[in-house]
């Protein structure tokens, strides 16, 4: 027995090893329940659903009217990436802000939704950026793209929120905070006032914490896709290479998409999700053969603002 064949038998699930022995492309193997069980047991840290969040952890103030029909008088300035949403608002010069080591792990990522490389000031913000990148309900997001003015305790103040989200139902400003910091008395007083100010401009406001971003099932699905997002196709060619193949997979289960008939590999499926061609419900359940494949933001461009 050759060394390469022995290695393939040891590291590949049984069905894929059989396909390799037969000289077939391993990406064409049919994914069975046993295969999914083996794959998930190696990669997802837990399939136990997190306990229900404590009341008050979700701070969300949806806008009643559309931003299209309101004047954004509360926006002091914005970056050039979002000026199309706020015509007439002063465009700020792009400058990278200094970042304190006290904020923890920092990083950057390449984002097609943000239009390039984005720099994140903390580990939680990096996790949030990846969450937005893989969330099928988010068509675009921008990091610290604008400055908002509001009145708090009789004084006019300014605030630079962490993110602006663009979705089919409108614009949403987000503040990304650890739960302990979000719950500080001063912040609990400020959130409703900032929300009221933004709602008057037709913009929703949400405070997201690790309780949402790092909820085990959602975080596990994000990490599953992240780790398998690289395939044989170069990133700049993925949309062109996979776009014509993936549209017909909408509504199918993951097992159907990965069947021998369709011939899509796990890496190609995750790459299609990562680049917005396809999507899944990140909250529903850990990824397995029954996961329903949804249309990604690139297939629903007509529904975005």
C-alpha atoms as a PDB file:
ATOM      1  CA  UNK A   1       0.000   0.000   0.000  1.00  0.00           C
ATOM      2  CA  UNK A   2       1.429   3.380  -1.005  1.00  0.00           C
ATOM      3  CA  UNK A   3       2.115   6.014   1.654  1.00  0.00           C
ATOM      4  CA  UNK A   4      -0.266   8.548   0.043  1.00  0.00           C
ATOM      5  CA  UNK A   5      -3.116   6.024  -0.023  1.00  0.00           C
ATOM      6  CA  UNK A   6      -2.497   5.103   3.626  1.00  0.00           C
ATOM      7  CA  UNK A   7      -2.627   8.768   4.644  1.00  0.00           C
ATOM      8  CA  UNK A   8      -5.870   9.311   2.715  1.00  0.00           C
ATOM      9  CA  UNK A   9      -7.474   6.331   4.449  1.00  0.00           C
ATOM     10  CA  UNK A  10      -6.453   7.651   7.862  1.00  0.00           C
ATOM     11  CA  UNK A  11      -7.546  11.275   7.519  1.00  0.00           C
ATOM     12  CA  UNK A  12     -10.516  11.082   5.165  1.00  0.00           C
ATOM     13  CA  UNK A  13     -14.033   9.988   6.173  1.00  0.00           C
ATOM     14  CA  UNK A  14     -14.773   6.463   4.904  1.00  0.00           C
ATOM     15  CA  UNK A  15     -16.896   7.476   1.954  1.00  0.00           C
ATOM     16  CA  UNK A  16     -14.433  10.035   0.661  1.00  0.00           C
ATOM     17  CA  UNK A  17     -11.554   7.613   1.108  1.00  0.00           C
ATOM     18  CA  UNK A  18     -13.483   5.145  -1.049  1.00  0.00           C
ATOM     19  CA  UNK A  19     -13.926   7.781  -3.734  1.00  0.00           C
ATOM     20  CA  UNK A  20     -10.228   8.592  -3.619  1.00  0.00           C
ATOM     21  CA  UNK A  21      -9.370   4.911  -4.073  1.00  0.00           C
ATOM     22  CA  UNK A  22     -11.641   4.780  -7.093  1.00  0.00           C
ATOM     23  CA  UNK A  23      -9.806   7.661  -8.712  1.00  0.00           C
ATOM     24  CA  UNK A  24     -12.758  10.032  -8.443  1.00  0.00           C
ATOM     25  CA  UNK A  25     -12.610  13.650  -7.309  1.00  0.00           C
ATOM     26  CA  UNK A  26     -13.245  13.634  -3.536  1.00  0.00           C
ATOM     27  CA  UNK A  27     -15.429  16.745  -3.880  1.00  0.00           C
ATOM     28  CA  UNK A  28     -17.978  14.629  -5.768  1.00  0.00           C
ATOM     29  CA  UNK A  29     -18.650  12.265  -2.861  1.00  0.00           C
ATOM     30  CA  UNK A  30     -22.186  11.998  -1.480  1.00  0.00           C
ATOM     31  CA  UNK A  31     -22.364  13.305   2.058  1.00  0.00           C
ATOM     32  CA  UNK A  32     -24.156  10.861   4.353  1.00  0.00           C
ATOM     33  CA  UNK A  33     -25.446  11.343   7.894  1.00  0.00           C
ATOM     34  CA  UNK A  34     -22.386   9.484   9.196  1.00  0.00           C
ATOM     35  CA  UNK A  35     -20.086  11.796   7.218  1.00  0.00           C
ATOM     36  CA  UNK A  36     -21.787  14.879   8.646  1.00  0.00           C
ATOM     37  CA  UNK A  37     -21.529  13.436  12.143  1.00  0.00           C
ATOM     38  CA  UNK A  38     -17.828  12.834  11.705  1.00  0.00           C
ATOM     39  CA  UNK A  39     -17.202  16.289  10.238  1.00  0.00           C
ATOM     40  CA  UNK A  40     -19.145  18.197  12.869  1.00  0.00           C
ATOM     41  CA  UNK A  41     -17.662  16.241  15.759  1.00  0.00           C
ATOM     42  CA  UNK A  42     -14.199  17.412  14.693  1.00  0.00           C
ATOM     43  CA  UNK A  43     -14.981  21.072  14.109  1.00  0.00           C
ATOM     44  CA  UNK A  44     -17.808  22.519  16.156  1.00  0.00           C
ATOM     45  CA  UNK A  45     -16.986  22.941  19.837  1.00  0.00           C
ATOM     46  CA  UNK A  46     -20.546  22.340  20.981  1.00  0.00           C
ATOM     47  CA  UNK A  47     -24.009  21.663  19.608  1.00  0.00           C
ATOM     48  CA  UNK A  48     -25.656  22.569  22.893  1.00  0.00           C
ATOM     49  CA  UNK A  49     -27.928  25.566  22.508  1.00  0.00           C
ATOM     50  CA  UNK A  50     -27.040  28.462  24.785  1.00  0.00           C
ATOM     51  CA  UNK A  51     -29.404  29.349  27.622  1.00  0.00           C
ATOM     52  CA  UNK A  52     -31.941  32.051  26.770  1.00  0.00           C
ATOM     53  CA  UNK A  53     -30.504  35.565  27.129  1.00  0.00           C
ATOM     54  CA  UNK A  54     -31.209  37.593  30.223  1.00  0.00           C
ATOM     55  CA  UNK A  55     -34.037  40.118  29.598  1.00  0.00           C
ATOM     56  CA  UNK A  56     -32.622  43.457  28.526  1.00  0.00           C
ATOM     57  CA  UNK A  57     -29.506  42.099  26.802  1.00  0.00           C
ATOM     58  CA  UNK A  58     -30.981  42.843  23.374  1.00  0.00           C
ATOM     59  CA  UNK A  59     -31.141  46.599  22.988  1.00  0.00           C
ATOM     60  CA  UNK A  60     -32.819  47.397  19.699  1.00  0.00           C
ATOM     61  CA  UNK A  61     -34.746  50.474  18.592  1.00  0.00           C
ATOM     62  CA  UNK A  62     -36.136  50.023  15.048  1.00  0.00           C
ATOM     63  CA  UNK A  63     -36.909  53.070  12.928  1.00  0.00           C
ATOM     64  CA  UNK A  64     -40.551  53.504  11.980  1.00  0.00           C
ATOM     65  CA  UNK A  65     -39.920  55.521   8.805  1.00  0.00           C
ATOM     66  CA  UNK A  66     -37.382  54.905   6.055  1.00  0.00           C
ATOM     67  CA  UNK A  67     -34.149  56.877   6.009  1.00  0.00           C
ATOM     68  CA  UNK A  68     -35.029  57.804   2.431  1.00  0.00           C
ATOM     69  CA  UNK A  69     -37.885  59.968   3.667  1.00  0.00           C
ATOM     70  CA  UNK A  70     -36.045  61.706   6.516  1.00  0.00           C
ATOM     71  CA  UNK A  71     -33.284  64.288   6.702  1.00  0.00           C
ATOM     72  CA  UNK A  72     -30.273  63.043   8.646  1.00  0.00           C
ATOM     73  CA  UNK A  73     -29.816  66.223  10.692  1.00  0.00           C
ATOM     74  CA  UNK A  74     -28.086  64.248  13.455  1.00  0.00           C
ATOM     75  CA  UNK A  75     -25.189  63.163  11.189  1.00  0.00           C
ATOM     76  CA  UNK A  76     -22.287  65.586  11.624  1.00  0.00           C
ATOM     77  CA  UNK A  77     -19.950  63.969   9.103  1.00  0.00           C
ATOM     78  CA  UNK A  78     -19.454  60.677   7.304  1.00  0.00           C
ATOM     79  CA  UNK A  79     -16.857  58.766   5.348  1.00  0.00           C
ATOM     80  CA  UNK A  80     -16.918  58.769   1.569  1.00  0.00           C
ATOM     81  CA  UNK A  81     -18.047  55.114   1.514  1.00  0.00           C
ATOM     82  CA  UNK A  82     -21.461  56.044   2.920  1.00  0.00           C
ATOM     83  CA  UNK A  83     -22.019  59.567   1.581  1.00  0.00           C
ATOM     84  CA  UNK A  84     -24.565  58.240  -0.938  1.00  0.00           C
ATOM     85  CA  UNK A  85     -26.876  57.570   2.011  1.00  0.00           C
ATOM     86  CA  UNK A  86     -26.420  61.053   3.453  1.00  0.00           C
ATOM     87  CA  UNK A  87     -26.276  63.603   0.602  1.00  0.00           C
ATOM     88  CA  UNK A  88     -25.152  67.039   1.690  1.00  0.00           C
ATOM     89  CA  UNK A  89     -23.361  65.796   4.817  1.00  0.00           C
ATOM     90  CA  UNK A  90     -19.714  66.800   5.273  1.00  0.00           C
ATOM     91  CA  UNK A  91     -17.365  64.027   4.166  1.00  0.00           C
ATOM     92  CA  UNK A  92     -14.606  63.331   6.688  1.00  0.00           C
ATOM     93  CA  UNK A  93     -11.031  62.654   5.711  1.00  0.00           C
ATOM     94  CA  UNK A  94     -10.103  59.006   6.131  1.00  0.00           C
ATOM     95  CA  UNK A  95      -7.630  58.528   8.943  1.00  0.00           C
ATOM     96  CA  UNK A  96      -6.882  55.449  10.969  1.00  0.00           C
ATOM     97  CA  UNK A  97      -7.498  56.122  14.631  1.00  0.00           C
ATOM     98  CA  UNK A  98      -5.007  55.094  17.277  1.00  0.00           C
ATOM     99  CA  UNK A  99      -5.999  51.904  19.046  1.00  0.00           C
ATOM    100  CA  UNK A 100      -5.278  51.131  22.672  1.00  0.00           C
ATOM    101  CA  UNK A 101      -3.818  47.792  23.681  1.00  0.00           C
ATOM    102  CA  UNK A 102      -6.289  47.844  26.555  1.00  0.00           C
ATOM    103  CA  UNK A 103      -9.070  46.989  24.099  1.00  0.00           C
ATOM    104  CA  UNK A 104      -7.742  43.462  23.661  1.00  0.00           C
ATOM    105  CA  UNK A 105      -7.062  41.507  20.463  1.00  0.00           C
ATOM    106  CA  UNK A 106      -7.222  43.660  17.366  1.00  0.00           C
ATOM    107  CA  UNK A 107      -7.221  42.698  13.740  1.00  0.00           C
ATOM    108  CA  UNK A 108      -8.241  43.293  10.179  1.00  0.00           C
ATOM    109  CA  UNK A 109     -10.078  41.383   7.511  1.00  0.00           C
ATOM    110  CA  UNK A 110     -10.825  41.549   3.827  1.00  0.00           C
ATOM    111  CA  UNK A 111     -14.524  42.214   3.330  1.00  0.00           C
ATOM    112  CA  UNK A 112     -16.450  42.334   0.080  1.00  0.00           C
ATOM    113  CA  UNK A 113     -19.425  43.851   1.929  1.00  0.00           C
ATOM    114  CA  UNK A 114     -17.266  46.689   3.277  1.00  0.00           C
ATOM    115  CA  UNK A 115     -15.480  47.111  -0.040  1.00  0.00           C
ATOM    116  CA  UNK A 116     -11.928  46.327   1.078  1.00  0.00           C
ATOM    117  CA  UNK A 117      -9.700  45.817   4.105  1.00  0.00           C
ATOM    118  CA  UNK A 118     -11.326  46.833   7.391  1.00  0.00           C
ATOM    119  CA  UNK A 119      -9.451  47.453  10.646  1.00  0.00           C
ATOM    120  CA  UNK A 120     -11.103  46.407  13.898  1.00  0.00           C
ATOM    121  CA  UNK A 121     -10.268  47.804  17.314  1.00  0.00           C
ATOM    122  CA  UNK A 122     -11.040  44.732  19.420  1.00  0.00           C
ATOM    123  CA  UNK A 123     -11.546  41.005  19.228  1.00  0.00           C
ATOM    124  CA  UNK A 124     -15.288  41.437  19.689  1.00  0.00           C
ATOM    125  CA  UNK A 125     -15.460  43.923  16.813  1.00  0.00           C
ATOM    126  CA  UNK A 126     -13.540  41.467  14.622  1.00  0.00           C
ATOM    127  CA  UNK A 127     -16.020  38.729  15.519  1.00  0.00           C
ATOM    128  CA  UNK A 128     -18.876  41.125  14.730  1.00  0.00           C
ATOM    129  CA  UNK A 129     -17.360  41.976  11.343  1.00  0.00           C
ATOM    130  CA  UNK A 130     -17.186  38.286  10.404  1.00  0.00           C
ATOM    131  CA  UNK A 131     -20.726  37.835  11.685  1.00  0.00           C
ATOM    132  CA  UNK A 132     -21.894  40.623   9.354  1.00  0.00           C
ATOM    133  CA  UNK A 133     -19.858  39.235   6.467  1.00  0.00           C
ATOM    134  CA  UNK A 134     -21.597  35.844   6.699  1.00  0.00           C
ATOM    135  CA  UNK A 135     -25.080  37.067   7.657  1.00  0.00           C
ATOM    136  CA  UNK A 136     -27.347  36.733   4.612  1.00  0.00           C
ATOM    137  CA  UNK A 137     -29.541  39.578   5.923  1.00  0.00           C
ATOM    138  CA  UNK A 138     -26.685  42.084   5.729  1.00  0.00           C
ATOM    139  CA  UNK A 139     -25.890  43.391   2.253  1.00  0.00           C
ATOM    140  CA  UNK A 140     -23.157  45.840   3.327  1.00  0.00           C
ATOM    141  CA  UNK A 141     -21.506  47.072   6.499  1.00  0.00           C
ATOM    142  CA  UNK A 142     -19.068  49.876   7.298  1.00  0.00           C
ATOM    143  CA  UNK A 143     -16.782  50.361  10.297  1.00  0.00           C
ATOM    144  CA  UNK A 144     -17.009  53.673  12.196  1.00  0.00           C
ATOM    145  CA  UNK A 145     -18.338  55.439   9.090  1.00  0.00           C
ATOM    146  CA  UNK A 146     -20.091  58.462  10.627  1.00  0.00           C
ATOM    147  CA  UNK A 147     -20.369  60.854  13.573  1.00  0.00           C
ATOM    148  CA  UNK A 148     -23.683  61.447  15.312  1.00  0.00           C
ATOM    149  CA  UNK A 149     -24.627  64.431  17.481  1.00  0.00           C
ATOM    150  CA  UNK A 150     -27.175  64.152  20.259  1.00  0.00           C
ATOM    151  CA  UNK A 151     -28.204  66.003  23.402  1.00  0.00           C
ATOM    152  CA  UNK A 152     -27.450  64.284  26.706  1.00  0.00           C
ATOM    153  CA  UNK A 153     -27.949  65.853  30.113  1.00  0.00           C
ATOM    154  CA  UNK A 154     -28.423  69.281  28.546  1.00  0.00           C
ATOM    155  CA  UNK A 155     -25.224  69.179  26.474  1.00  0.00           C
ATOM    156  CA  UNK A 156     -24.675  68.511  22.785  1.00  0.00           C
ATOM    157  CA  UNK A 157     -22.355  65.552  22.372  1.00  0.00           C
ATOM    158  CA  UNK A 158     -20.899  63.604  19.458  1.00  0.00           C
ATOM    159  CA  UNK A 159     -20.488  59.887  19.081  1.00  0.00           C
ATOM    160  CA  UNK A 160     -18.810  57.673  16.466  1.00  0.00           C
ATOM    161  CA  UNK A 161     -20.706  54.340  16.438  1.00  0.00           C
ATOM    162  CA  UNK A 162     -18.899  51.130  15.614  1.00  0.00           C
ATOM    163  CA  UNK A 163     -20.791  50.112  12.474  1.00  0.00           C
ATOM    164  CA  UNK A 164     -23.432  51.006   9.918  1.00  0.00           C
ATOM    165  CA  UNK A 165     -25.411  48.057   8.554  1.00  0.00           C
ATOM    166  CA  UNK A 166     -27.201  48.111   5.199  1.00  0.00           C
ATOM    167  CA  UNK A 167     -30.047  45.616   4.871  1.00  0.00           C
ATOM    168  CA  UNK A 168     -33.151  45.153   2.737  1.00  0.00           C
ATOM    169  CA  UNK A 169     -35.308  46.867   5.376  1.00  0.00           C
ATOM    170  CA  UNK A 170     -33.081  49.934   5.774  1.00  0.00           C
ATOM    171  CA  UNK A 171     -30.079  51.323   7.648  1.00  0.00           C
ATOM    172  CA  UNK A 172     -29.013  50.300  11.136  1.00  0.00           C
ATOM    173  CA  UNK A 173     -26.348  51.834  13.347  1.00  0.00           C
ATOM    174  CA  UNK A 174     -24.693  49.409  15.746  1.00  0.00           C
ATOM    175  CA  UNK A 175     -22.659  49.808  18.886  1.00  0.00           C
ATOM    176  CA  UNK A 176     -20.479  46.762  19.667  1.00  0.00           C
ATOM    177  CA  UNK A 177     -19.778  46.423  23.374  1.00  0.00           C
ATOM    178  CA  UNK A 178     -19.007  43.801  25.972  1.00  0.00           C
ATOM    179  CA  UNK A 179     -22.118  43.173  28.037  1.00  0.00           C
ATOM    180  CA  UNK A 180     -20.541  44.586  31.184  1.00  0.00           C
ATOM    181  CA  UNK A 181     -19.678  47.871  29.452  1.00  0.00           C
ATOM    182  CA  UNK A 182     -23.027  48.127  27.671  1.00  0.00           C
ATOM    183  CA  UNK A 183     -24.781  47.806  31.035  1.00  0.00           C
ATOM    184  CA  UNK A 184     -22.962  50.658  32.730  1.00  0.00           C
ATOM    185  CA  UNK A 185     -25.529  53.127  34.173  1.00  0.00           C
ATOM    186  CA  UNK A 186     -24.298  56.018  32.022  1.00  0.00           C
ATOM    187  CA  UNK A 187     -24.514  53.938  28.853  1.00  0.00           C
ATOM    188  CA  UNK A 188     -27.974  52.644  29.748  1.00  0.00           C
ATOM    189  CA  UNK A 189     -29.056  56.285  29.920  1.00  0.00           C
ATOM    190  CA  UNK A 190     -27.379  57.209  26.632  1.00  0.00           C
ATOM    191  CA  UNK A 191     -28.613  54.329  24.459  1.00  0.00           C
ATOM    192  CA  UNK A 192     -32.301  55.395  24.305  1.00  0.00           C
ATOM    193  CA  UNK A 193     -31.326  59.008  23.581  1.00  0.00           C
ATOM    194  CA  UNK A 194     -28.976  58.032  20.744  1.00  0.00           C
ATOM    195  CA  UNK A 195     -31.664  55.675  19.455  1.00  0.00           C
ATOM    196  CA  UNK A 196     -34.322  58.380  19.485  1.00  0.00           C
ATOM    197  CA  UNK A 197     -31.986  60.741  17.628  1.00  0.00           C
ATOM    198  CA  UNK A 198     -31.226  58.166  14.930  1.00  0.00           C
ATOM    199  CA  UNK A 199     -34.845  56.971  14.666  1.00  0.00           C
ATOM    200  CA  UNK A 200     -35.846  60.561  13.831  1.00  0.00           C
ATOM    201  CA  UNK A 201     -33.552  60.237  10.795  1.00  0.00           C
ATOM    202  CA  UNK A 202     -35.101  56.903   9.790  1.00  0.00           C
ATOM    203  CA  UNK A 203     -32.156  54.857  11.074  1.00  0.00           C
ATOM    204  CA  UNK A 204     -32.478  51.910  13.456  1.00  0.00           C
ATOM    205  CA  UNK A 205     -30.139  51.526  16.424  1.00  0.00           C
ATOM    206  CA  UNK A 206     -28.870  48.358  18.078  1.00  0.00           C
ATOM    207  CA  UNK A 207     -26.391  47.569  20.837  1.00  0.00           C
ATOM    208  CA  UNK A 208     -24.830  44.143  20.264  1.00  0.00           C
ATOM    209  CA  UNK A 209     -22.756  42.279  22.834  1.00  0.00           C
ATOM    210  CA  UNK A 210     -20.898  38.994  23.071  1.00  0.00           C
ATOM    211  CA  UNK A 211     -24.148  37.355  24.175  1.00  0.00           C
ATOM    212  CA  UNK A 212     -25.380  37.675  20.573  1.00  0.00           C
ATOM    213  CA  UNK A 213     -22.162  37.618  18.549  1.00  0.00           C
ATOM    214  CA  UNK A 214     -20.655  34.692  20.436  1.00  0.00           C
ATOM    215  CA  UNK A 215     -23.809  32.685  21.057  1.00  0.00           C
ATOM    216  CA  UNK A 216     -22.511  29.104  20.637  1.00  0.00           C
ATOM    217  CA  UNK A 217     -24.600  27.989  17.668  1.00  0.00           C
ATOM    218  CA  UNK A 218     -24.241  31.233  15.730  1.00  0.00           C
ATOM    219  CA  UNK A 219     -20.531  31.570  16.500  1.00  0.00           C
ATOM    220  CA  UNK A 220     -19.966  27.883  15.706  1.00  0.00           C
ATOM    221  CA  UNK A 221     -21.567  28.262  12.260  1.00  0.00           C
ATOM    222  CA  UNK A 222     -19.550  31.405  11.523  1.00  0.00           C
ATOM    223  CA  UNK A 223     -16.327  29.628  12.474  1.00  0.00           C
ATOM    224  CA  UNK A 224     -17.269  26.546  10.437  1.00  0.00           C
ATOM    225  CA  UNK A 225     -17.610  28.682   7.295  1.00  0.00           C
ATOM    226  CA  UNK A 226     -14.542  30.796   8.045  1.00  0.00           C
ATOM    227  CA  UNK A 227     -12.265  27.775   8.347  1.00  0.00           C
ATOM    228  CA  UNK A 228     -13.430  26.326   5.019  1.00  0.00           C
ATOM    229  CA  UNK A 229     -13.853  29.488   2.964  1.00  0.00           C
ATOM    230  CA  UNK A 230     -10.742  28.931   0.840  1.00  0.00           C
ATOM    231  CA  UNK A 231     -11.096  26.722  -2.210  1.00  0.00           C
ATOM    232  CA  UNK A 232      -9.102  26.084  -5.374  1.00  0.00           C
ATOM    233  CA  UNK A 233     -10.512  29.219  -7.034  1.00  0.00           C
ATOM    234  CA  UNK A 234      -8.706  32.525  -6.415  1.00  0.00           C
ATOM    235  CA  UNK A 235     -10.831  34.996  -4.375  1.00  0.00           C
ATOM    236  CA  UNK A 236     -11.044  37.501  -7.224  1.00  0.00           C
ATOM    237  CA  UNK A 237     -12.531  34.825  -9.504  1.00  0.00           C
ATOM    238  CA  UNK A 238     -14.906  33.082  -7.076  1.00  0.00           C
ATOM    239  CA  UNK A 239     -18.036  35.044  -7.984  1.00  0.00           C
ATOM    240  CA  UNK A 240     -17.467  34.490 -11.694  1.00  0.00           C
ATOM    241  CA  UNK A 241     -16.534  30.822 -11.266  1.00  0.00           C
ATOM    242  CA  UNK A 242     -19.296  29.807  -8.842  1.00  0.00           C
ATOM    243  CA  UNK A 243     -22.061  32.295  -9.631  1.00  0.00           C
ATOM    244  CA  UNK A 244     -23.587  30.343 -12.510  1.00  0.00           C
ATOM    245  CA  UNK A 245     -23.498  27.096 -10.500  1.00  0.00           C
ATOM    246  CA  UNK A 246     -24.893  28.251  -7.170  1.00  0.00           C
ATOM    247  CA  UNK A 247     -28.165  29.962  -8.102  1.00  0.00           C
ATOM    248  CA  UNK A 248     -29.900  26.624  -8.678  1.00  0.00           C
ATOM    249  CA  UNK A 249     -28.936  25.428  -5.167  1.00  0.00           C
ATOM    250  CA  UNK A 250     -31.239  27.906  -3.388  1.00  0.00           C
ATOM    251  CA  UNK A 251     -33.825  25.985  -1.382  1.00  0.00           C
ATOM    252  CA  UNK A 252     -31.884  22.715  -1.378  1.00  0.00           C
ATOM    253  CA  UNK A 253     -30.388  21.056   1.683  1.00  0.00           C
ATOM    254  CA  UNK A 254     -26.635  21.006   2.238  1.00  0.00           C
ATOM    255  CA  UNK A 255     -26.583  17.256   1.532  1.00  0.00           C
ATOM    256  CA  UNK A 256     -28.258  17.832  -1.841  1.00  0.00           C
ATOM    257  CA  UNK A 257     -25.840  20.617  -2.731  1.00  0.00           C
ATOM    258  CA  UNK A 258     -22.870  18.421  -1.840  1.00  0.00           C
ATOM    259  CA  UNK A 259     -24.201  15.357  -3.647  1.00  0.00           C
ATOM    260  CA  UNK A 260     -22.371  13.668  -6.492  1.00  0.00           C
ATOM    261  CA  UNK A 261     -24.981  15.024  -8.895  1.00  0.00           C
ATOM    262  CA  UNK A 262     -24.234  18.651  -8.048  1.00  0.00           C
ATOM    263  CA  UNK A 263     -20.540  18.147  -7.383  1.00  0.00           C
ATOM    264  CA  UNK A 264     -19.931  21.104  -5.078  1.00  0.00           C
ATOM    265  CA  UNK A 265     -17.252  20.649  -2.408  1.00  0.00           C
ATOM    266  CA  UNK A 266     -17.556  21.844   1.182  1.00  0.00           C
ATOM    267  CA  UNK A 267     -14.909  24.480   0.535  1.00  0.00           C
ATOM    268  CA  UNK A 268     -16.773  25.742  -2.550  1.00  0.00           C
ATOM    269  CA  UNK A 269     -20.039  25.901  -0.600  1.00  0.00           C
ATOM    270  CA  UNK A 270     -18.406  27.877   2.214  1.00  0.00           C
ATOM    271  CA  UNK A 271     -16.672  30.149  -0.306  1.00  0.00           C
ATOM    272  CA  UNK A 272     -20.033  30.818  -1.984  1.00  0.00           C
ATOM    273  CA  UNK A 273     -21.499  31.786   1.410  1.00  0.00           C
ATOM    274  CA  UNK A 274     -18.464  33.888   2.296  1.00  0.00           C
ATOM    275  CA  UNK A 275     -18.708  35.858  -0.970  1.00  0.00           C
ATOM    276  CA  UNK A 276     -22.466  36.390  -0.730  1.00  0.00           C
ATOM    277  CA  UNK A 277     -23.680  34.023  -3.441  1.00  0.00           C
ATOM    278  CA  UNK A 278     -25.427  31.755  -0.935  1.00  0.00           C
ATOM    279  CA  UNK A 279     -26.419  32.014   2.725  1.00  0.00           C
ATOM    280  CA  UNK A 280     -27.703  29.992   5.680  1.00  0.00           C
ATOM    281  CA  UNK A 281     -29.634  30.813   8.842  1.00  0.00           C
ATOM    282  CA  UNK A 282     -26.781  31.212  11.318  1.00  0.00           C
ATOM    283  CA  UNK A 283     -29.075  30.948  14.363  1.00  0.00           C
ATOM    284  CA  UNK A 284     -31.267  27.979  13.481  1.00  0.00           C
ATOM    285  CA  UNK A 285     -28.999  25.004  14.231  1.00  0.00           C
ATOM    286  CA  UNK A 286     -25.419  23.788  13.726  1.00  0.00           C
ATOM    287  CA  UNK A 287     -24.607  23.180  10.075  1.00  0.00           C
ATOM    288  CA  UNK A 288     -25.404  19.644   8.947  1.00  0.00           C
ATOM    289  CA  UNK A 289     -26.883  17.838   5.972  1.00  0.00           C
ATOM    290  CA  UNK A 290     -30.352  19.251   6.670  1.00  0.00           C
ATOM    291  CA  UNK A 291     -29.236  22.891   6.602  1.00  0.00           C
ATOM    292  CA  UNK A 292     -31.277  24.773   4.015  1.00  0.00           C
ATOM    293  CA  UNK A 293     -29.265  26.829   1.532  1.00  0.00           C
ATOM    294  CA  UNK A 294     -30.629  30.349   0.984  1.00  0.00           C
ATOM    295  CA  UNK A 295     -29.972  33.043  -1.597  1.00  0.00           C
ATOM    296  CA  UNK A 296     -27.078  35.320  -0.650  1.00  0.00           C
ATOM    297  CA  UNK A 297     -27.002  39.135  -0.831  1.00  0.00           C
ATOM    298  CA  UNK A 298     -25.393  39.090  -4.279  1.00  0.00           C
ATOM    299  CA  UNK A 299     -28.460  37.277  -5.629  1.00  0.00           C
ATOM    300  CA  UNK A 300     -30.798  39.798  -4.008  1.00  0.00           C
ATOM    301  CA  UNK A 301     -29.171  43.068  -4.964  1.00  0.00           C
ATOM    302  CA  UNK A 302     -32.490  44.498  -6.077  1.00  0.00           C
ATOM    303  CA  UNK A 303     -33.792  44.320  -2.494  1.00  0.00           C
ATOM    304  CA  UNK A 304     -31.093  46.476  -0.893  1.00  0.00           C
ATOM    305  CA  UNK A 305     -31.248  50.256  -0.366  1.00  0.00           C
END
